[in-house]
Amino acid sequence: MILYPAVDLRGGKVVRLHQGDPDRQKVYSESPLDVAARWLEAGADWLHVVNLDGAFADANDNLALLEKLAALDVNIQFGGGVRTLDDAARVLAMGVRRVVLGTAVAQNPDMVTAFIARWGSDRLTVALDARAGVVATHGWQQASGWTPESLGRELAARGAVHALYTDVARDGELTGVNVAGTAHLAEATGLQVIASGGVSSLQDVIALRDTGKIAGAVLGKALYEGIIDLAEAIRLAAGG
């Protein structure tokens, strides 16, 4: 199981939002590169980088930071504000390993087919983030007409392999990740699902790993608050 330390960018800073609410923000660092270096030193092979300004359609310079992060010796999974294939082409050209598409594919599932035809399925992660059982879009501020299961099956039929599932109600709460819901989504769709939202302890990492059905997990607030040691979490995720 792969662990993805989160680096959420807003206004050039590393922040965490409470349940995706832009008015409930905590700044953790003025230097995303320093944060990335810390996670790399702890053994991370991937970073989960989110352009929150892009997700909220706010003007920003976070792509300049993304280019610097992509120059590091690390795989980057990047999302936030990628709405078109041209947007995807731009960030892939910067060195991003995998692009997260959420709002765009919920509105137009055929975009998955077009993306995969151009870059292949391994370069894409589809976001199935949900609030109250409904896929949330536009920076989690709007509800779509999809459930995570229905959208996941639709996108898998178009060739998607990787998916990110965030239980929005748990994001930033440190109340525990939705292990059962994540495993169910993986079973229901056949996708390689990455868990996100609420991972709050090493026991959560072990519980996700032990399902044998979950491909990875994004670690956010628990890392930044010093509750989870990343090196130990990586060891446990690998079966240690």
Protein backbone atom coordinates (compact mmCIF):
# COMPACT_ATOMS: atom_id res chain seq x y z
CA MET A 1 0.00 0.00 0.00
CA ILE A 2 1.45 3.35 -1.07
CA LEU A 3 1.30 6.36 1.23
CA TYR A 4 0.92 9.83 -0.26
CA PRO A 5 1.86 12.75 2.02
CA ALA A 6 -0.41 15.65 1.11
CA VAL A 7 0.97 19.04 0.10
CA ASP A 8 -2.03 21.34 -0.26
CA LEU A 9 -1.13 24.68 -1.83
CA ARG A 10 -3.03 27.91 -1.33
CA GLY A 11 -1.49 31.29 -1.98
CA GLY A 12 1.92 29.65 -2.28
CA LYS A 13 1.71 28.20 1.24
CA VAL A 14 1.10 24.71 2.59
CA VAL A 15 -2.31 24.67 4.27
CA ARG A 16 -5.01 22.31 5.44
CA LEU A 17 -8.71 23.05 5.09
CA HIS A 18 -11.35 21.67 7.43
CA GLN A 19 -13.68 19.50 5.32
CA GLY A 20 -12.61 21.48 2.27
CA ASP A 21 -14.01 24.75 3.63
CA PRO A 22 -11.91 27.67 2.29
CA ASP A 23 -12.91 29.76 5.30
CA ARG A 24 -11.50 27.20 7.75
CA GLN A 25 -7.82 27.13 6.91
CA LYS A 26 -4.64 26.54 8.86
CA VAL A 27 -1.24 27.45 7.41
CA TYR A 28 1.47 24.89 8.17
CA SER A 29 4.39 26.24 6.16
CA GLU A 30 5.44 29.18 4.02
CA SER A 31 7.76 26.85 2.07
CA PRO A 32 6.26 23.92 0.14
CA LEU A 33 9.74 22.84 -0.96
CA ASP A 34 10.89 22.51 2.66
CA VAL A 35 7.81 20.44 3.44
CA ALA A 36 8.41 18.20 0.44
CA ALA A 37 12.03 17.71 1.48
CA ARG A 38 10.88 16.62 4.94
CA TRP A 39 8.56 13.96 3.51
CA LEU A 40 11.21 12.74 1.08
CA GLU A 41 13.71 12.40 3.89
CA ALA A 42 11.17 10.26 5.75
CA GLY A 43 11.02 7.89 2.79
CA ALA A 44 8.09 9.08 0.67
CA ASP A 45 8.11 7.94 -2.96
CA TRP A 46 5.01 9.99 -3.82
CA LEU A 47 3.52 13.38 -2.94
CA HIS A 48 -0.16 14.20 -3.30
CA VAL A 49 -0.10 17.86 -4.36
CA VAL A 50 -3.34 19.87 -4.55
CA ASN A 51 -3.75 23.34 -6.00
CA LEU A 52 -6.58 24.54 -3.78
CA ASP A 53 -6.72 27.90 -5.51
CA GLY A 54 -7.26 26.05 -8.78
CA ALA A 55 -10.00 23.92 -7.24
CA PHE A 56 -11.83 27.09 -6.20
CA ALA A 57 -11.10 28.77 -9.57
CA ASP A 58 -9.05 31.50 -7.88
CA ALA A 59 -6.13 33.15 -9.65
CA ASN A 60 -2.83 31.73 -8.41
CA ASP A 61 0.83 31.05 -9.10
CA ASN A 62 0.90 27.58 -7.61
CA LEU A 63 1.93 25.95 -10.90
CA ALA A 64 5.31 27.66 -10.56
CA LEU A 65 5.68 25.84 -7.24
CA LEU A 66 4.48 22.62 -8.82
CA GLU A 67 7.25 22.79 -11.38
CA LYS A 68 9.83 23.09 -8.59
CA LEU A 69 8.28 20.20 -6.67
CA ALA A 70 8.23 18.06 -9.81
CA ALA A 71 11.96 18.66 -10.22
CA LEU A 72 12.58 16.74 -6.99
CA ASP A 73 13.24 13.01 -7.05
CA VAL A 74 9.65 12.04 -6.26
CA ASN A 75 6.47 10.95 -8.02
CA ILE A 76 3.76 13.58 -7.90
CA GLN A 77 0.03 12.99 -8.02
CA PHE A 78 -1.49 16.40 -8.75
CA GLY A 79 -5.01 17.77 -8.75
CA GLY A 80 -6.96 20.96 -8.32
CA GLY A 81 -8.25 23.07 -11.18
CA VAL A 82 -7.37 20.61 -13.95
CA ARG A 83 -10.49 21.01 -16.06
CA THR A 84 -9.37 20.29 -19.63
CA LEU A 85 -6.95 18.07 -21.53
CA ASP A 86 -4.84 21.17 -22.18
CA ASP A 87 -4.61 21.70 -18.40
CA ALA A 88 -3.55 18.08 -18.01
CA ALA A 89 -0.96 18.40 -20.78
CA ARG A 90 0.53 21.43 -19.06
CA VAL A 91 1.08 19.76 -15.69
CA LEU A 92 2.26 16.48 -17.20
CA ALA A 93 4.84 18.44 -19.18
CA MET A 94 6.08 19.85 -15.86
CA GLY A 95 6.92 16.34 -14.68
CA VAL A 96 3.75 15.33 -12.83
CA ARG A 97 3.47 11.54 -12.74
CA ARG A 98 -0.30 11.27 -12.32
CA VAL A 99 -3.11 13.80 -12.77
CA VAL A 100 -6.23 13.81 -10.57
CA LEU A 101 -9.43 14.65 -12.43
CA GLY A 102 -12.58 15.16 -10.39
CA THR A 103 -15.03 17.87 -11.39
CA ALA A 104 -14.16 17.54 -15.08
CA VAL A 105 -14.89 13.81 -15.33
CA ALA A 106 -18.00 13.98 -13.16
CA GLN A 107 -19.37 16.49 -15.66
CA ASN A 108 -18.00 14.71 -18.73
CA PRO A 109 -17.01 11.06 -18.23
CA ASP A 110 -15.88 10.84 -21.85
CA MET A 111 -12.87 12.95 -20.85
CA VAL A 112 -11.42 9.81 -19.26
CA THR A 113 -11.49 8.02 -22.61
CA ALA A 114 -9.76 10.95 -24.30
CA PHE A 115 -7.15 11.28 -21.55
CA ILE A 116 -6.25 7.58 -21.62
CA ALA A 117 -6.02 7.53 -25.41
CA ARG A 118 -3.42 10.29 -25.18
CA TRP A 119 -1.40 9.41 -22.08
CA GLY A 120 -2.46 5.98 -20.83
CA SER A 121 -4.39 4.86 -17.77
CA ASP A 122 -1.47 4.95 -15.34
CA ARG A 123 -1.15 8.74 -15.68
CA LEU A 124 -4.70 9.32 -14.40
CA THR A 125 -6.42 9.22 -11.01
CA VAL A 126 -10.15 9.90 -10.92
CA ALA A 127 -11.53 11.59 -7.81
CA LEU A 128 -14.64 10.04 -6.26
CA ASP A 129 -14.80 12.39 -3.26
CA ALA A 130 -18.17 12.23 -1.56
CA ARG A 131 -20.30 14.01 0.99
CA ALA A 132 -23.38 12.18 2.32
CA GLY A 133 -22.99 9.52 -0.34
CA VAL A 134 -22.90 11.92 -3.30
CA VAL A 135 -19.82 12.85 -5.33
CA ALA A 136 -18.76 16.42 -4.48
CA THR A 137 -17.27 18.70 -7.16
CA HIS A 138 -15.88 22.23 -7.57
CA GLY A 139 -13.58 22.01 -4.57
CA TRP A 140 -16.20 19.94 -2.71
CA GLN A 141 -18.58 22.90 -2.79
CA GLN A 142 -21.20 21.36 -5.11
CA ALA A 143 -23.03 18.04 -5.29
CA SER A 144 -23.12 16.04 -8.51
CA GLY A 145 -25.74 13.53 -9.58
CA TRP A 146 -23.39 10.59 -9.01
CA THR A 147 -22.70 8.23 -6.15
CA PRO A 148 -19.04 7.19 -5.84
CA GLU A 149 -19.97 3.67 -6.93
CA SER A 150 -21.93 4.73 -10.02
CA LEU A 151 -19.31 7.21 -11.18
CA GLY A 152 -16.50 4.79 -10.41
CA ARG A 153 -18.08 2.03 -12.51
CA GLU A 154 -18.73 4.49 -15.33
CA LEU A 155 -15.13 5.67 -15.39
CA ALA A 156 -13.70 2.17 -15.00
CA ALA A 157 -15.67 1.16 -18.09
CA ARG A 158 -13.83 3.93 -19.92
CA GLY A 159 -10.46 2.55 -18.83
CA ALA A 160 -9.73 4.30 -15.52
CA VAL A 161 -7.57 2.24 -13.15
CA HIS A 162 -6.69 4.56 -10.22
CA ALA A 163 -9.17 6.40 -8.02
CA LEU A 164 -9.03 8.69 -5.01
CA TYR A 165 -11.84 8.44 -2.47
CA THR A 166 -12.26 11.11 0.16
CA ASP A 167 -15.03 10.90 2.73
CA VAL A 168 -15.37 14.70 2.93
CA ALA A 169 -17.12 14.66 6.30
CA ARG A 170 -14.01 13.07 7.85
CA ASP A 171 -11.43 15.29 6.16
CA GLY A 172 -9.39 17.18 8.74
CA GLU A 173 -11.39 15.72 11.63
CA LEU A 174 -8.79 13.16 12.80
CA THR A 175 -11.70 10.86 13.61
CA GLY A 176 -10.49 7.89 11.59
CA VAL A 177 -10.58 6.98 7.93
CA ASN A 178 -13.61 5.28 6.35
CA VAL A 179 -12.00 1.88 5.93
CA ALA A 180 -15.19 -0.05 5.15
CA GLY A 181 -16.45 2.54 2.65
CA THR A 182 -13.12 2.66 0.84
CA ALA A 183 -12.85 -1.13 0.62
CA HIS A 184 -16.45 -1.35 -0.58
CA LEU A 185 -15.77 1.19 -3.31
CA ALA A 186 -12.76 -0.79 -4.50
CA GLU A 187 -14.85 -3.97 -4.62
CA ALA A 188 -17.82 -2.29 -6.32
CA THR A 189 -15.80 -0.63 -9.06
CA GLY A 190 -12.68 -2.76 -9.55
CA LEU A 191 -10.58 0.41 -9.29
CA GLN A 192 -7.30 0.75 -7.41
CA VAL A 193 -8.65 3.05 -4.70
CA ILE A 194 -6.57 5.44 -2.61
CA ALA A 195 -8.14 6.36 0.72
CA SER A 196 -8.23 9.95 1.94
CA GLY A 197 -9.88 11.94 4.71
CA GLY A 198 -9.59 11.25 8.40
CA VAL A 199 -6.44 9.11 8.56
CA SER A 200 -5.51 9.88 12.14
CA SER A 201 -3.29 7.10 13.49
CA LEU A 202 -0.96 4.28 12.62
CA GLN A 203 -3.84 1.96 13.43
CA ASP A 204 -5.76 3.52 10.53
CA VAL A 205 -2.83 2.73 8.24
CA ILE A 206 -2.77 -0.87 9.46
CA ALA A 207 -6.56 -1.21 9.09
CA LEU A 208 -6.44 0.04 5.50
CA ARG A 209 -3.51 -2.24 4.68
CA ASP A 210 -5.10 -5.29 6.23
CA THR A 211 -8.21 -5.12 4.02
CA GLY A 212 -5.97 -6.23 1.15
CA LYS A 213 -8.23 -4.18 -1.15
CA ILE A 214 -6.94 -0.62 -0.82
CA ALA A 215 -4.11 0.61 -3.03
CA GLY A 216 -2.95 3.57 -0.97
CA ALA A 217 -3.74 6.36 1.47
CA VAL A 218 -3.25 10.12 1.56
CA LEU A 219 -1.90 11.44 4.85
CA GLY A 220 -2.65 15.05 5.71
CA LYS A 221 -3.47 16.72 8.98
CA ALA A 222 -2.15 13.88 11.15
CA LEU A 223 1.29 14.35 9.57
CA TYR A 224 1.28 18.10 9.98
CA GLU A 225 0.12 17.90 13.58
CA GLY A 226 2.87 15.38 14.40
CA ILE A 227 0.39 12.63 15.25
CA ILE A 228 1.71 10.19 12.64
CA ASP A 229 5.39 9.57 11.98
CA LEU A 230 5.70 9.19 8.22
CA ALA A 231 8.67 6.82 8.24
CA GLU A 232 6.88 4.44 10.60
CA ALA A 233 3.66 4.71 8.62
CA ILE A 234 5.49 3.82 5.40
CA ARG A 235 7.05 0.80 7.09
CA LEU A 236 3.66 -0.42 8.29
CA ALA A 237 1.98 0.23 4.93
CA ALA A 238 4.60 -1.98 3.30
CA GLY A 239 3.71 -4.79 5.69
CA GLY A 240 6.32 -4.11 8.35
